[in-house]
């Protein structure tokens, strides 16, 4: 990823909190972990939800989304047990959120 602000903010916060250059280094490492998605992986892994890699094409993203929604759409399990229906709704929400996040990122990249 091309995110850098976590490193910068981590460096500044670490330096100010510990008032020592080592604090800046610790903050830089923590900021890098945030930027890389190691600390909050659920937010940074929309491709993993769709079963893709970050270099997937738009067509592959759309195809994976349609395939998963056909499989997990709550209407497909309308007559099933409430627990199964709740699981399908949760999975469908995760799929929709991942797809929306990917589309926003890609549309933002094209707009620049």
N, C-alpha and C. Protein backbone atom coordinates (compact mmCIF):
# COMPACT_ATOMS: atom_id res chain seq x y z
N UNK A 1 0.84 -1.18 0.00
CA UNK A 1 0.00 0.00 0.00
C UNK A 1 0.88 1.23 0.00
N UNK A 2 0.31 2.32 -0.45
CA UNK A 2 1.05 3.56 -0.53
C UNK A 2 0.72 4.50 0.62
N UNK A 3 0.24 3.96 1.71
CA UNK A 3 -0.08 4.84 2.83
C UNK A 3 1.18 5.17 3.60
N UNK A 4 1.27 6.39 4.06
CA UNK A 4 2.46 6.86 4.76
C UNK A 4 2.13 7.59 6.05
N UNK A 5 0.90 8.03 6.19
CA UNK A 5 0.55 8.91 7.31
C UNK A 5 0.62 8.20 8.66
N UNK A 6 0.43 6.90 8.70
CA UNK A 6 0.55 6.17 9.97
C UNK A 6 1.97 6.21 10.50
N UNK A 7 2.92 6.08 9.57
CA UNK A 7 4.33 6.15 9.97
C UNK A 7 4.67 7.53 10.53
N UNK A 8 4.24 8.57 9.83
CA UNK A 8 4.53 9.93 10.27
C UNK A 8 3.89 10.23 11.62
N UNK A 9 2.61 9.93 11.74
CA UNK A 9 1.92 10.20 13.01
C UNK A 9 2.48 9.35 14.14
N UNK A 10 2.83 8.11 13.84
CA UNK A 10 3.42 7.24 14.86
C UNK A 10 4.77 7.76 15.32
N UNK A 11 5.58 8.23 14.38
CA UNK A 11 6.89 8.78 14.73
C UNK A 11 6.75 9.99 15.64
N UNK A 12 5.87 10.92 15.25
CA UNK A 12 5.69 12.14 16.04
C UNK A 12 5.13 11.81 17.42
N UNK A 13 4.11 10.96 17.47
CA UNK A 13 3.50 10.62 18.75
C UNK A 13 4.49 9.89 19.66
N UNK A 14 5.26 8.96 19.10
CA UNK A 14 6.23 8.23 19.90
C UNK A 14 7.31 9.15 20.45
N UNK A 15 7.79 10.05 19.62
CA UNK A 15 8.83 10.98 20.06
C UNK A 15 8.31 11.88 21.18
N UNK A 16 7.08 12.40 20.99
CA UNK A 16 6.53 13.31 21.99
C UNK A 16 6.17 12.60 23.30
N UNK A 17 5.66 11.39 23.20
CA UNK A 17 5.28 10.68 24.42
C UNK A 17 6.48 10.23 25.23
N UNK A 18 7.50 9.73 24.56
CA UNK A 18 8.66 9.22 25.28
C UNK A 18 9.78 10.26 25.40
N UNK A 19 9.65 11.33 24.64
CA UNK A 19 10.65 12.42 24.65
C UNK A 19 12.07 11.88 24.45
N UNK A 20 12.17 10.98 23.47
CA UNK A 20 13.45 10.37 23.17
C UNK A 20 13.40 9.86 21.73
N UNK A 21 14.52 9.89 21.02
CA UNK A 21 14.51 9.38 19.64
C UNK A 21 14.05 7.93 19.53
N UNK A 22 14.31 7.12 20.54
CA UNK A 22 13.85 5.73 20.51
C UNK A 22 12.32 5.67 20.48
N UNK A 23 11.67 6.63 21.12
CA UNK A 23 10.21 6.68 21.06
C UNK A 23 9.72 6.93 19.65
N UNK A 24 10.45 7.77 18.92
CA UNK A 24 10.10 8.00 17.51
C UNK A 24 10.23 6.74 16.69
N UNK A 25 11.26 5.95 16.96
CA UNK A 25 11.46 4.70 16.24
C UNK A 25 10.34 3.70 16.57
N UNK A 26 9.98 3.61 17.82
CA UNK A 26 8.89 2.71 18.21
C UNK A 26 7.58 3.16 17.55
N UNK A 27 7.31 4.46 17.58
CA UNK A 27 6.12 4.98 16.93
C UNK A 27 6.12 4.73 15.43
N UNK A 28 7.29 4.85 14.81
CA UNK A 28 7.42 4.59 13.38
C UNK A 28 7.08 3.14 13.07
N UNK A 29 7.54 2.22 13.89
CA UNK A 29 7.25 0.80 13.68
C UNK A 29 5.76 0.52 13.85
N UNK A 30 5.16 1.10 14.87
CA UNK A 30 3.72 0.91 15.08
C UNK A 30 2.93 1.53 13.93
N UNK A 31 3.34 2.72 13.48
CA UNK A 31 2.68 3.36 12.35
C UNK A 31 2.79 2.52 11.09
N UNK A 32 3.94 1.90 10.87
CA UNK A 32 4.10 1.03 9.71
C UNK A 32 3.15 -0.17 9.80
N UNK A 33 2.99 -0.72 11.00
CA UNK A 33 2.07 -1.84 11.19
C UNK A 33 0.64 -1.44 10.83
N UNK A 34 0.24 -0.23 11.20
CA UNK A 34 -1.09 0.24 10.82
C UNK A 34 -1.20 0.42 9.31
N UNK A 35 -0.19 1.03 8.70
CA UNK A 35 -0.23 1.26 7.26
C UNK A 35 -0.26 -0.05 6.47
N UNK A 36 0.45 -1.04 6.96
CA UNK A 36 0.50 -2.33 6.27
C UNK A 36 -0.74 -3.18 6.51
N UNK A 37 -1.58 -2.79 7.47
CA UNK A 37 -2.80 -3.54 7.74
C UNK A 37 -2.60 -4.69 8.70
N UNK A 38 -1.48 -4.72 9.41
CA UNK A 38 -1.22 -5.81 10.35
C UNK A 38 -2.05 -5.67 11.61
N UNK A 39 -2.38 -4.45 12.00
CA UNK A 39 -3.08 -4.23 13.26
C UNK A 39 -4.59 -4.26 13.07
N UNK A 40 -5.08 -3.73 11.98
CA UNK A 40 -6.52 -3.73 11.70
C UNK A 40 -6.75 -4.47 10.38
N UNK A 41 -6.56 -5.79 10.34
CA UNK A 41 -6.64 -6.51 9.08
C UNK A 41 -8.03 -6.55 8.46
N UNK A 42 -9.07 -6.45 9.26
CA UNK A 42 -10.42 -6.48 8.70
C UNK A 42 -10.69 -5.31 7.78
N UNK A 43 -10.14 -4.17 8.10
CA UNK A 43 -10.34 -2.99 7.27
C UNK A 43 -9.44 -3.01 6.03
N UNK A 44 -8.33 -3.67 6.11
CA UNK A 44 -7.37 -3.63 5.03
C UNK A 44 -7.44 -4.84 4.11
N UNK A 45 -8.40 -5.71 4.27
CA UNK A 45 -8.41 -6.95 3.52
C UNK A 45 -9.68 -7.16 2.69
N UNK A 46 -10.12 -6.18 1.92
CA UNK A 46 -11.34 -6.44 1.13
C UNK A 46 -11.12 -7.47 0.04
N UNK A 47 -9.90 -7.54 -0.49
CA UNK A 47 -9.63 -8.54 -1.53
C UNK A 47 -9.70 -9.95 -0.96
N UNK A 48 -9.25 -10.11 0.28
CA UNK A 48 -9.28 -11.44 0.91
C UNK A 48 -10.73 -11.91 1.09
N UNK A 49 -11.65 -10.99 1.40
CA UNK A 49 -13.05 -11.36 1.57
C UNK A 49 -13.61 -11.93 0.27
N UNK A 50 -13.19 -11.33 -0.85
CA UNK A 50 -13.68 -11.80 -2.15
C UNK A 50 -12.84 -12.95 -2.70
N UNK A 51 -11.79 -13.35 -1.99
CA UNK A 51 -10.95 -14.45 -2.44
C UNK A 51 -10.04 -14.07 -3.58
N UNK A 52 -9.59 -12.81 -3.61
CA UNK A 52 -8.75 -12.31 -4.69
C UNK A 52 -7.44 -11.76 -4.14
N UNK A 53 -6.55 -11.41 -5.05
CA UNK A 53 -5.33 -10.70 -4.67
C UNK A 53 -5.47 -9.25 -5.09
N UNK A 54 -4.58 -8.41 -4.61
CA UNK A 54 -4.66 -6.98 -4.89
C UNK A 54 -4.47 -6.61 -6.35
N UNK A 55 -3.90 -7.50 -7.15
CA UNK A 55 -3.69 -7.19 -8.56
C UNK A 55 -4.80 -7.74 -9.47
N UNK A 56 -5.94 -8.07 -8.89
CA UNK A 56 -7.07 -8.58 -9.68
C UNK A 56 -7.65 -7.47 -10.55
N UNK A 57 -8.10 -7.85 -11.72
CA UNK A 57 -8.70 -6.87 -12.64
C UNK A 57 -10.12 -6.53 -12.19
N UNK A 58 -10.67 -5.47 -12.79
CA UNK A 58 -12.04 -5.08 -12.47
C UNK A 58 -13.02 -6.19 -12.81
N UNK A 59 -12.80 -6.87 -13.92
CA UNK A 59 -13.68 -7.97 -14.32
C UNK A 59 -13.63 -9.11 -13.30
N UNK A 60 -12.44 -9.41 -12.80
CA UNK A 60 -12.30 -10.47 -11.80
C UNK A 60 -12.99 -10.09 -10.49
N UNK A 61 -12.88 -8.82 -10.11
CA UNK A 61 -13.55 -8.35 -8.89
C UNK A 61 -15.06 -8.48 -9.05
N UNK A 62 -15.59 -8.03 -10.18
CA UNK A 62 -17.03 -8.11 -10.42
C UNK A 62 -17.50 -9.56 -10.44
N UNK A 63 -16.73 -10.42 -11.09
CA UNK A 63 -17.11 -11.83 -11.18
C UNK A 63 -17.12 -12.50 -9.80
N UNK A 64 -16.09 -12.22 -9.00
CA UNK A 64 -16.03 -12.80 -7.65
C UNK A 64 -17.18 -12.29 -6.80
N UNK A 65 -17.51 -11.00 -6.92
CA UNK A 65 -18.62 -10.43 -6.16
C UNK A 65 -19.93 -11.12 -6.53
N UNK A 66 -20.19 -11.25 -7.83
CA UNK A 66 -21.45 -11.88 -8.27
C UNK A 66 -21.53 -13.33 -7.82
N UNK A 67 -20.41 -14.04 -7.93
CA UNK A 67 -20.39 -15.46 -7.54
C UNK A 67 -20.68 -15.62 -6.04
N UNK A 68 -20.04 -14.80 -5.22
CA UNK A 68 -20.24 -14.92 -3.77
C UNK A 68 -21.63 -14.46 -3.36
N UNK A 69 -22.14 -13.41 -3.99
CA UNK A 69 -23.49 -12.95 -3.63
C UNK A 69 -24.54 -13.97 -4.06
N UNK A 70 -24.31 -14.65 -5.17
CA UNK A 70 -25.24 -15.71 -5.59
C UNK A 70 -25.24 -16.84 -4.57
N UNK A 71 -24.10 -17.06 -3.95
CA UNK A 71 -23.97 -18.15 -2.99
C UNK A 71 -24.51 -17.75 -1.62
N UNK A 72 -24.24 -16.52 -1.16
CA UNK A 72 -24.55 -16.12 0.21
C UNK A 72 -25.70 -15.13 0.35
N UNK A 73 -26.40 -14.84 -0.71
CA UNK A 73 -27.49 -13.86 -0.60
C UNK A 73 -28.54 -14.37 0.37
N UNK A 74 -29.02 -13.52 1.27
CA UNK A 74 -30.00 -13.96 2.28
C UNK A 74 -31.29 -14.53 1.68
N UNK A 75 -31.67 -14.12 0.50
CA UNK A 75 -32.88 -14.66 -0.13
C UNK A 75 -32.72 -16.13 -0.50
N UNK A 76 -31.49 -16.58 -0.69
CA UNK A 76 -31.24 -17.98 -1.03
C UNK A 76 -31.55 -18.91 0.13
N UNK A 77 -31.47 -18.39 1.36
CA UNK A 77 -31.72 -19.21 2.54
C UNK A 77 -32.93 -18.70 3.32
N UNK A 78 -33.91 -18.19 2.61
CA UNK A 78 -35.08 -17.59 3.26
C UNK A 78 -35.83 -18.58 4.13
N UNK A 79 -35.88 -19.84 3.74
CA UNK A 79 -36.63 -20.83 4.51
C UNK A 79 -35.77 -21.62 5.49
N UNK A 80 -34.53 -21.25 5.63
CA UNK A 80 -33.61 -21.99 6.50
C UNK A 80 -33.76 -21.57 7.95
N UNK A 81 -33.00 -22.21 8.80
CA UNK A 81 -33.01 -21.91 10.22
C UNK A 81 -32.54 -20.46 10.46
N UNK A 82 -33.02 -19.84 11.53
CA UNK A 82 -32.64 -18.45 11.80
C UNK A 82 -31.13 -18.25 11.94
N UNK A 83 -30.43 -19.24 12.50
CA UNK A 83 -28.98 -19.11 12.66
C UNK A 83 -28.29 -19.08 11.30
N UNK A 84 -28.72 -19.94 10.40
CA UNK A 84 -28.13 -19.99 9.06
C UNK A 84 -28.44 -18.71 8.30
N UNK A 85 -29.65 -18.21 8.46
CA UNK A 85 -30.04 -16.97 7.80
C UNK A 85 -29.20 -15.80 8.32
N UNK A 86 -28.96 -15.76 9.62
CA UNK A 86 -28.15 -14.69 10.21
C UNK A 86 -26.71 -14.76 9.71
N UNK A 87 -26.17 -15.97 9.59
CA UNK A 87 -24.81 -16.13 9.06
C UNK A 87 -24.73 -15.66 7.62
N UNK A 88 -25.74 -15.99 6.81
CA UNK A 88 -25.76 -15.57 5.41
C UNK A 88 -25.85 -14.04 5.31
N UNK A 89 -26.66 -13.41 6.17
CA UNK A 89 -26.76 -11.96 6.15
C UNK A 89 -25.45 -11.31 6.54
N UNK A 90 -24.78 -11.86 7.53
CA UNK A 90 -23.48 -11.32 7.96
C UNK A 90 -22.44 -11.44 6.85
N UNK A 91 -22.39 -12.60 6.21
CA UNK A 91 -21.44 -12.81 5.11
C UNK A 91 -21.76 -11.89 3.93
N UNK A 92 -23.05 -11.71 3.62
CA UNK A 92 -23.45 -10.83 2.51
C UNK A 92 -23.06 -9.38 2.81
N UNK A 93 -23.21 -8.95 4.07
CA UNK A 93 -22.79 -7.58 4.45
C UNK A 93 -21.28 -7.42 4.28
N UNK A 94 -20.51 -8.43 4.67
CA UNK A 94 -19.05 -8.37 4.53
C UNK A 94 -18.65 -8.32 3.05
N UNK A 95 -19.33 -9.10 2.23
CA UNK A 95 -19.03 -9.12 0.79
C UNK A 95 -19.35 -7.76 0.17
N UNK A 96 -20.51 -7.21 0.51
CA UNK A 96 -20.89 -5.90 -0.02
C UNK A 96 -19.93 -4.81 0.43
N UNK A 97 -19.53 -4.83 1.70
CA UNK A 97 -18.60 -3.82 2.21
C UNK A 97 -17.25 -3.93 1.51
N UNK A 98 -16.76 -5.15 1.31
CA UNK A 98 -15.47 -5.34 0.63
C UNK A 98 -15.55 -4.86 -0.81
N UNK A 99 -16.62 -5.20 -1.50
CA UNK A 99 -16.78 -4.78 -2.89
C UNK A 99 -16.86 -3.25 -2.99
N UNK A 100 -17.64 -2.64 -2.10
CA UNK A 100 -17.74 -1.18 -2.11
C UNK A 100 -16.39 -0.52 -1.84
N UNK A 101 -15.63 -1.07 -0.89
CA UNK A 101 -14.32 -0.51 -0.56
C UNK A 101 -13.38 -0.61 -1.76
N UNK A 102 -13.38 -1.75 -2.45
CA UNK A 102 -12.53 -1.92 -3.63
C UNK A 102 -12.93 -0.94 -4.72
N UNK A 103 -14.22 -0.82 -4.97
CA UNK A 103 -14.69 0.09 -6.04
C UNK A 103 -14.33 1.54 -5.72
N UNK A 104 -14.48 1.94 -4.45
CA UNK A 104 -14.12 3.33 -4.08
C UNK A 104 -12.64 3.57 -4.28
N UNK A 105 -11.81 2.62 -3.87
CA UNK A 105 -10.36 2.76 -4.05
C UNK A 105 -10.00 2.89 -5.51
N UNK A 106 -10.58 2.02 -6.32
CA UNK A 106 -10.25 2.03 -7.75
C UNK A 106 -10.80 3.26 -8.45
N UNK A 107 -11.99 3.69 -8.09
CA UNK A 107 -12.54 4.91 -8.68
C UNK A 107 -11.73 6.13 -8.26
N UNK A 108 -11.24 6.12 -7.03
CA UNK A 108 -10.41 7.22 -6.54
C UNK A 108 -9.07 7.28 -7.27
N UNK A 109 -8.53 6.11 -7.59
CA UNK A 109 -7.27 6.05 -8.32
C UNK A 109 -7.43 6.56 -9.74
N UNK A 110 -8.57 6.25 -10.34
CA UNK A 110 -8.80 6.70 -11.73
C UNK A 110 -9.03 8.20 -11.78
N UNK A 111 -9.65 8.75 -10.72
CA UNK A 111 -9.96 10.17 -10.71
C UNK A 111 -8.74 11.05 -10.56
N UNK A 112 -7.64 10.49 -10.04
CA UNK A 112 -6.43 11.28 -9.82
C UNK A 112 -5.66 11.49 -11.09
